[in-house]
PDB file of all heavy atoms in Angstrom:
ATOM      1  N   PRO A   1      14.226   5.221 -25.683  1.00  0.00           N
ATOM      2  CA  PRO A   1      13.754   5.241 -27.069  1.00  0.00           C
ATOM      3  C   PRO A   1      13.892   3.880 -27.733  1.00  0.00           C
ATOM      4  O   PRO A   1      14.711   3.049 -27.321  1.00  0.00           O
ATOM      5  CB  PRO A   1      14.681   6.266 -27.735  1.00  0.00           C
ATOM      6  CG  PRO A   1      15.957   6.173 -26.950  1.00  0.00           C
ATOM      7  CD  PRO A   1      15.522   5.916 -25.529  1.00  0.00           C
ATOM      8  N   SER A   2      13.087   3.655 -28.772  1.00  0.00           N
ATOM      9  CA  SER A   2      13.215   2.417 -29.543  1.00  0.00           C
ATOM     10  C   SER A   2      14.568   2.360 -30.235  1.00  0.00           C
ATOM     11  O   SER A   2      15.209   1.307 -30.305  1.00  0.00           O
ATOM     12  CB  SER A   2      12.091   2.338 -30.586  1.00  0.00           C
ATOM     13  OG  SER A   2      10.824   2.401 -29.971  1.00  0.00           O
ATOM     14  N   ILE A   3      15.001   3.500 -30.748  1.00  0.00           N
ATOM     15  CA  ILE A   3      16.297   3.627 -31.426  1.00  0.00           C
ATOM     16  C   ILE A   3      16.897   4.965 -31.024  1.00  0.00           C
ATOM     17  O   ILE A   3      16.182   5.945 -30.822  1.00  0.00           O
ATOM     18  CB  ILE A   3      16.142   3.570 -32.961  1.00  0.00           C
ATOM     19  CG1 ILE A   3      15.535   2.241 -33.411  1.00  0.00           C
ATOM     20  CG2 ILE A   3      17.488   3.787 -33.667  1.00  0.00           C
ATOM     21  CD1 ILE A   3      15.183   2.184 -34.887  1.00  0.00           C
ATOM     22  N   GLY A   4      18.229   5.035 -30.931  1.00  0.00           N
ATOM     23  CA  GLY A   4      18.911   6.296 -30.681  1.00  0.00           C
ATOM     24  C   GLY A   4      19.383   6.434 -29.247  1.00  0.00           C
ATOM     25  O   GLY A   4      19.168   5.558 -28.408  1.00  0.00           O
ATOM     26  N   GLY A   5      20.033   7.560 -28.968  1.00  0.00           N
ATOM     27  CA  GLY A   5      20.587   7.786 -27.638  1.00  0.00           C
ATOM     28  C   GLY A   5      20.462   9.229 -27.194  1.00  0.00           C
ATOM     29  O   GLY A   5      20.313  10.135 -28.007  1.00  0.00           O
ATOM     30  N   VAL A   6      20.536   9.414 -25.876  1.00  0.00           N
ATOM     31  CA  VAL A   6      20.497  10.741 -25.265  1.00  0.00           C
ATOM     32  C   VAL A   6      21.681  10.853 -24.316  1.00  0.00           C
ATOM     33  O   VAL A   6      21.814  10.045 -23.386  1.00  0.00           O
ATOM     34  CB  VAL A   6      19.188  10.979 -24.488  1.00  0.00           C
ATOM     35  CG1 VAL A   6      19.208  12.365 -23.835  1.00  0.00           C
ATOM     36  CG2 VAL A   6      17.978  10.830 -25.386  1.00  0.00           C
ATOM     37  N   ALA A   7      22.532  11.840 -24.551  1.00  0.00           N
ATOM     38  CA  ALA A   7      23.662  12.098 -23.658  1.00  0.00           C
ATOM     39  C   ALA A   7      23.396  13.378 -22.876  1.00  0.00           C
ATOM     40  O   ALA A   7      23.035  14.403 -23.459  1.00  0.00           O
ATOM     41  CB  ALA A   7      24.948  12.227 -24.458  1.00  0.00           C
ATOM     42  N   ILE A   8      23.553  13.305 -21.565  1.00  0.00           N
ATOM     43  CA  ILE A   8      23.466  14.477 -20.701  1.00  0.00           C
ATOM     44  C   ILE A   8      24.825  14.672 -20.052  1.00  0.00           C
ATOM     45  O   ILE A   8      25.381  13.730 -19.478  1.00  0.00           O
ATOM     46  CB  ILE A   8      22.356  14.310 -19.645  1.00  0.00           C
ATOM     47  CG1 ILE A   8      20.984  14.330 -20.341  1.00  0.00           C
ATOM     48  CG2 ILE A   8      22.435  15.421 -18.599  1.00  0.00           C
ATOM     49  CD1 ILE A   8      19.804  14.172 -19.400  1.00  0.00           C
ATOM     50  N   PHE A   9      25.392  15.874 -20.211  1.00  0.00           N
ATOM     51  CA  PHE A   9      26.754  16.184 -19.761  1.00  0.00           C
ATOM     52  C   PHE A   9      27.754  15.192 -20.371  1.00  0.00           C
ATOM     53  O   PHE A   9      28.719  14.780 -19.730  1.00  0.00           O
ATOM     54  CB  PHE A   9      26.862  16.186 -18.237  1.00  0.00           C
ATOM     55  CG  PHE A   9      25.765  16.951 -17.548  1.00  0.00           C
ATOM     56  CD1 PHE A   9      25.140  16.438 -16.420  1.00  0.00           C
ATOM     57  CD2 PHE A   9      25.337  18.185 -18.028  1.00  0.00           C
ATOM     58  CE1 PHE A   9      24.128  17.141 -15.784  1.00  0.00           C
ATOM     59  CE2 PHE A   9      24.321  18.886 -17.395  1.00  0.00           C
ATOM     60  CZ  PHE A   9      23.721  18.367 -16.276  1.00  0.00           C
ATOM     61  N   GLY A  10      27.456  14.768 -21.604  1.00  0.00           N
ATOM     62  CA  GLY A  10      28.388  13.935 -22.352  1.00  0.00           C
ATOM     63  C   GLY A  10      28.284  12.447 -22.111  1.00  0.00           C
ATOM     64  O   GLY A  10      29.053  11.667 -22.693  1.00  0.00           O
ATOM     65  N   GLU A  11      27.342  12.013 -21.278  1.00  0.00           N
ATOM     66  CA  GLU A  11      27.228  10.583 -20.969  1.00  0.00           C
ATOM     67  C   GLU A  11      25.837  10.060 -21.325  1.00  0.00           C
ATOM     68  O   GLU A  11      24.824  10.678 -20.971  1.00  0.00           O
ATOM     69  CB  GLU A  11      27.514  10.340 -19.485  1.00  0.00           C
ATOM     70  CG  GLU A  11      27.604   8.868 -19.142  1.00  0.00           C
ATOM     71  CD  GLU A  11      28.188   8.619 -17.760  1.00  0.00           C
ATOM     72  OE1 GLU A  11      28.646   9.583 -17.118  1.00  0.00           O
ATOM     73  OE2 GLU A  11      28.178   7.447 -17.319  1.00  0.00           O
ATOM     74  N   ASP A  12      25.795   8.933 -22.002  1.00  0.00           N
ATOM     75  CA  ASP A  12      24.529   8.333 -22.433  1.00  0.00           C
ATOM     76  C   ASP A  12      23.725   7.903 -21.206  1.00  0.00           C
ATOM     77  O   ASP A  12      24.156   7.038 -20.435  1.00  0.00           O
ATOM     78  CB  ASP A  12      24.815   7.123 -23.331  1.00  0.00           C
ATOM     79  CG  ASP A  12      23.539   6.554 -23.969  1.00  0.00           C
ATOM     80  OD1 ASP A  12      22.455   6.704 -23.380  1.00  0.00           O
ATOM     81  OD2 ASP A  12      23.636   5.951 -25.054  1.00  0.00           O
ATOM     82  N   ILE A  13      22.547   8.504 -21.040  1.00  0.00           N
ATOM     83  CA  ILE A  13      21.762   8.238 -19.825  1.00  0.00           C
ATOM     84  C   ILE A  13      21.179   6.831 -19.808  1.00  0.00           C
ATOM     85  O   ILE A  13      20.911   6.278 -18.742  1.00  0.00           O
ATOM     86  CB  ILE A  13      20.642   9.283 -19.638  1.00  0.00           C
ATOM     87  CG1 ILE A  13      19.693   9.318 -20.841  1.00  0.00           C
ATOM     88  CG2 ILE A  13      21.221  10.648 -19.357  1.00  0.00           C
ATOM     89  CD1 ILE A  13      18.499  10.251 -20.649  1.00  0.00           C
ATOM     90  N   TYR A  14      20.984   6.235 -20.981  1.00  0.00           N
ATOM     91  CA  TYR A  14      20.392   4.897 -21.017  1.00  0.00           C
ATOM     92  C   TYR A  14      21.437   3.795 -20.914  1.00  0.00           C
ATOM     93  O   TYR A  14      21.112   2.619 -20.951  1.00  0.00           O
ATOM     94  CB  TYR A  14      19.508   4.752 -22.249  1.00  0.00           C
ATOM     95  CG  TYR A  14      18.284   5.650 -22.140  1.00  0.00           C
ATOM     96  CD1 TYR A  14      18.142   6.783 -22.933  1.00  0.00           C
ATOM     97  CD2 TYR A  14      17.313   5.396 -21.183  1.00  0.00           C
ATOM     98  CE1 TYR A  14      17.040   7.626 -22.788  1.00  0.00           C
ATOM     99  CE2 TYR A  14      16.214   6.229 -21.024  1.00  0.00           C
ATOM    100  CZ  TYR A  14      16.084   7.336 -21.831  1.00  0.00           C
ATOM    101  OH  TYR A  14      15.000   8.176 -21.675  1.00  0.00           O
ATOM    102  N   SER A  15      22.715   4.198 -20.758  1.00  0.00           N
ATOM    103  CA  SER A  15      23.779   3.241 -20.455  1.00  0.00           C
ATOM    104  C   SER A  15      24.215   3.338 -18.993  1.00  0.00           C
ATOM    105  O   SER A  15      25.027   2.543 -18.526  1.00  0.00           O
ATOM    106  CB  SER A  15      24.996   3.489 -21.356  1.00  0.00           C
ATOM    107  OG  SER A  15      24.654   3.293 -22.707  1.00  0.00           O
ATOM    108  N   MET A  16      23.697   4.332 -18.276  1.00  0.00           N
ATOM    109  CA  MET A  16      24.064   4.513 -16.867  1.00  0.00           C
ATOM    110  C   MET A  16      23.444   3.416 -16.003  1.00  0.00           C
ATOM    111  O   MET A  16      22.364   2.909 -16.309  1.00  0.00           O
ATOM    112  CB  MET A  16      23.539   5.860 -16.347  1.00  0.00           C
ATOM    113  CG  MET A  16      24.237   7.073 -16.890  1.00  0.00           C
ATOM    114  SD  MET A  16      23.529   8.577 -16.129  1.00  0.00           S
ATOM    115  CE  MET A  16      24.460   9.828 -17.020  1.00  0.00           C
ATOM    116  N   ASN A  17      24.127   3.094 -14.901  1.00  0.00           N
ATOM    117  CA  ASN A  17      23.492   2.198 -13.934  1.00  0.00           C
ATOM    118  C   ASN A  17      22.411   2.964 -13.171  1.00  0.00           C
ATOM    119  O   ASN A  17      22.359   4.203 -13.196  1.00  0.00           O
ATOM    120  CB  ASN A  17      24.523   1.566 -12.996  1.00  0.00           C
ATOM    121  CG  ASN A  17      25.267   2.586 -12.147  1.00  0.00           C
ATOM    122  OD1 ASN A  17      24.667   3.486 -11.561  1.00  0.00           O
ATOM    123  ND2 ASN A  17      26.588   2.436 -12.066  1.00  0.00           N
ATOM    124  N   LYS A  18      21.534   2.246 -12.483  1.00  0.00           N
ATOM    125  CA  LYS A  18      20.378   2.870 -11.840  1.00  0.00           C
ATOM    126  C   LYS A  18      20.780   3.902 -10.793  1.00  0.00           C
ATOM    127  O   LYS A  18      20.151   4.959 -10.666  1.00  0.00           O
ATOM    128  CB  LYS A  18      19.493   1.790 -11.205  1.00  0.00           C
ATOM    129  CG  LYS A  18      18.708   0.981 -12.215  1.00  0.00           C
ATOM    130  CD  LYS A  18      17.748   0.014 -11.516  1.00  0.00           C
ATOM    131  CE  LYS A  18      16.916  -0.762 -12.535  1.00  0.00           C
ATOM    132  NZ  LYS A  18      15.964  -1.691 -11.869  1.00  0.00           N
ATOM    133  N   LYS A  19      21.837   3.611 -10.051  1.00  0.00           N
ATOM    134  CA  LYS A  19      22.271   4.530  -8.985  1.00  0.00           C
ATOM    135  C   LYS A  19      22.736   5.858  -9.583  1.00  0.00           C
ATOM    136  O   LYS A  19      22.340   6.934  -9.106  1.00  0.00           O
ATOM    137  CB  LYS A  19      23.401   3.890  -8.176  1.00  0.00           C
ATOM    138  CG  LYS A  19      23.880   4.740  -7.005  1.00  0.00           C
ATOM    139  CD  LYS A  19      24.906   3.980  -6.177  1.00  0.00           C
ATOM    140  CE  LYS A  19      25.323   4.762  -4.940  1.00  0.00           C
ATOM    141  NZ  LYS A  19      26.090   5.970  -5.268  1.00  0.00           N
ATOM    142  N   LYS A  20      23.541   5.784 -10.625  1.00  0.00           N
ATOM    143  CA  LYS A  20      24.061   7.015 -11.227  1.00  0.00           C
ATOM    144  C   LYS A  20      22.936   7.815 -11.886  1.00  0.00           C
ATOM    145  O   LYS A  20      22.907   9.050 -11.793  1.00  0.00           O
ATOM    146  CB  LYS A  20      25.142   6.677 -12.257  1.00  0.00           C
ATOM    147  CG  LYS A  20      25.867   7.899 -12.795  1.00  0.00           C
ATOM    148  CD  LYS A  20      27.129   7.524 -13.532  1.00  0.00           C
ATOM    149  CE  LYS A  20      27.919   8.751 -13.901  1.00  0.00           C
ATOM    150  NZ  LYS A  20      29.182   8.424 -14.601  1.00  0.00           N
ATOM    151  N   LEU A  21      22.007   7.118 -12.528  1.00  0.00           N
ATOM    152  CA  LEU A  21      20.888   7.806 -13.162  1.00  0.00           C
ATOM    153  C   LEU A  21      20.002   8.465 -12.112  1.00  0.00           C
ATOM    154  O   LEU A  21      19.537   9.598 -12.302  1.00  0.00           O
ATOM    155  CB  LEU A  21      20.079   6.826 -14.013  1.00  0.00           C
ATOM    156  CG  LEU A  21      18.891   7.418 -14.788  1.00  0.00           C
ATOM    157  CD1 LEU A  21      19.353   8.536 -15.713  1.00  0.00           C
ATOM    158  CD2 LEU A  21      18.171   6.338 -15.583  1.00  0.00           C
ATOM    159  N   SER A  22      19.768   7.779 -10.993  1.00  0.00           N
ATOM    160  CA  SER A  22      18.972   8.359  -9.913  1.00  0.00           C
ATOM    161  C   SER A  22      19.629   9.617  -9.355  1.00  0.00           C
ATOM    162  O   SER A  22      18.958  10.615  -9.066  1.00  0.00           O
ATOM    163  CB  SER A  22      18.774   7.346  -8.783  1.00  0.00           C
ATOM    164  OG  SER A  22      17.984   6.267  -9.209  1.00  0.00           O
ATOM    165  N   GLU A  23      20.942   9.585  -9.215  1.00  0.00           N
ATOM    166  CA  GLU A  23      21.674  10.759  -8.720  1.00  0.00           C
ATOM    167  C   GLU A  23      21.599  11.908  -9.716  1.00  0.00           C
ATOM    168  O   GLU A  23      21.451  13.079  -9.325  1.00  0.00           O
ATOM    169  CB  GLU A  23      23.140  10.392  -8.442  1.00  0.00           C
ATOM    170  CG  GLU A  23      23.303   9.478  -7.239  1.00  0.00           C
ATOM    171  CD  GLU A  23      24.718   8.951  -7.082  1.00  0.00           C
ATOM    172  OE1 GLU A  23      25.532   9.140  -8.029  1.00  0.00           O
ATOM    173  OE2 GLU A  23      25.025   8.344  -6.040  1.00  0.00           O
ATOM    174  N   LEU A  24      21.680  11.592 -10.997  1.00  0.00           N
ATOM    175  CA  LEU A  24      21.559  12.614 -12.038  1.00  0.00           C
ATOM    176  C   LEU A  24      20.190  13.290 -11.976  1.00  0.00           C
ATOM    177  O   LEU A  24      20.077  14.523 -12.012  1.00  0.00           O
ATOM    178  CB  LEU A  24      21.774  11.990 -13.422  1.00  0.00           C
ATOM    179  CG  LEU A  24      21.593  12.934 -14.615  1.00  0.00           C
ATOM    180  CD1 LEU A  24      22.757  13.906 -14.708  1.00  0.00           C
ATOM    181  CD2 LEU A  24      21.453  12.147 -15.917  1.00  0.00           C
ATOM    182  N   LYS A  25      19.133  12.471 -11.866  1.00  0.00           N
ATOM    183  CA  LYS A  25      17.773  13.023 -11.770  1.00  0.00           C
ATOM    184  C   LYS A  25      17.624  13.897 -10.535  1.00  0.00           C
ATOM    185  O   LYS A  25      17.027  14.984 -10.592  1.00  0.00           O
ATOM    186  CB  LYS A  25      16.752  11.878 -11.717  1.00  0.00           C
ATOM    187  CG  LYS A  25      16.591  11.103 -13.004  1.00  0.00           C
ATOM    188  CD  LYS A  25      15.564   9.993 -12.778  1.00  0.00           C
ATOM    189  CE  LYS A  25      15.355   9.151 -14.012  1.00  0.00           C
ATOM    190  NZ  LYS A  25      14.379   8.057 -13.788  1.00  0.00           N
ATOM    191  N   ARG A  26      18.152  13.418  -9.420  1.00  0.00           N
ATOM    192  CA  ARG A  26      18.012  14.145  -8.152  1.00  0.00           C
ATOM    193  C   ARG A  26      18.761  15.474  -8.173  1.00  0.00           C
ATOM    194  O   ARG A  26      18.236  16.511  -7.745  1.00  0.00           O
ATOM    195  CB  ARG A  26      18.527  13.279  -7.004  1.00  0.00           C
ATOM    196  CG  ARG A  26      18.405  13.912  -5.621  1.00  0.00           C
ATOM    197  CD  ARG A  26      19.229  13.134  -4.605  1.00  0.00           C
ATOM    198  NE  ARG A  26      20.660  13.277  -4.871  1.00  0.00           N
ATOM    199  CZ  ARG A  26      21.582  12.422  -4.426  1.00  0.00           C
ATOM    200  NH1 ARG A  26      21.230  11.357  -3.731  1.00  0.00           N
ATOM    201  NH2 ARG A  26      22.865  12.630  -4.695  1.00  0.00           N
ATOM    202  N   ASP A  27      19.972  15.450  -8.698  1.00  0.00           N
ATOM    203  CA  ASP A  27      20.864  16.606  -8.571  1.00  0.00           C
ATOM    204  C   ASP A  27      20.783  17.592  -9.739  1.00  0.00           C
ATOM    205  O   ASP A  27      21.034  18.785  -9.551  1.00  0.00           O
ATOM    206  CB  ASP A  27      22.319  16.131  -8.440  1.00  0.00           C
ATOM    207  CG  ASP A  27      22.554  15.290  -7.198  1.00  0.00           C
ATOM    208  OD1 ASP A  27      21.769  15.430  -6.238  1.00  0.00           O
ATOM    209  OD2 ASP A  27      23.508  14.488  -7.208  1.00  0.00           O
ATOM    210  N   SER A  28      20.443  17.113 -10.934  1.00  0.00           N
ATOM    211  CA  SER A  28      20.650  17.960 -12.108  1.00  0.00           C
ATOM    212  C   SER A  28      19.441  18.157 -13.008  1.00  0.00           C
ATOM    213  O   SER A  28      19.465  19.041 -13.865  1.00  0.00           O
ATOM    214  CB  SER A  28      21.798  17.376 -12.962  1.00  0.00           C
ATOM    215  OG  SER A  28      22.988  17.303 -12.220  1.00  0.00           O
ATOM    216  N   LEU A  29      18.412  17.338 -12.860  1.00  0.00           N
ATOM    217  CA  LEU A  29      17.259  17.436 -13.751  1.00  0.00           C
ATOM    218  C   LEU A  29      16.033  17.917 -12.987  1.00  0.00           C
ATOM    219  O   LEU A  29      15.766  17.465 -11.880  1.00  0.00           O
ATOM    220  CB  LEU A  29      16.958  16.082 -14.408  1.00  0.00           C
ATOM    221  CG  LEU A  29      18.113  15.367 -15.099  1.00  0.00           C
ATOM    222  CD1 LEU A  29      17.608  14.110 -15.799  1.00  0.00           C
ATOM    223  CD2 LEU A  29      18.839  16.283 -16.088  1.00  0.00           C
ATOM    224  N   GLY A  30      15.276  18.810 -13.599  1.00  0.00           N
ATOM    225  CA  GLY A  30      14.043  19.307 -13.015  1.00  0.00           C
ATOM    226  C   GLY A  30      12.890  19.108 -13.977  1.00  0.00           C
ATOM    227  O   GLY A  30      12.968  19.541 -15.126  1.00  0.00           O
TER     228      GLY A  30
END
């Protein structure tokens, strides 16, 4: 987003490193 944040399971997804975000998408998001 231009402004604001999104937390999934309590962690800001746009502050995650690429590896952790990729694992989140693979394992938990559909």
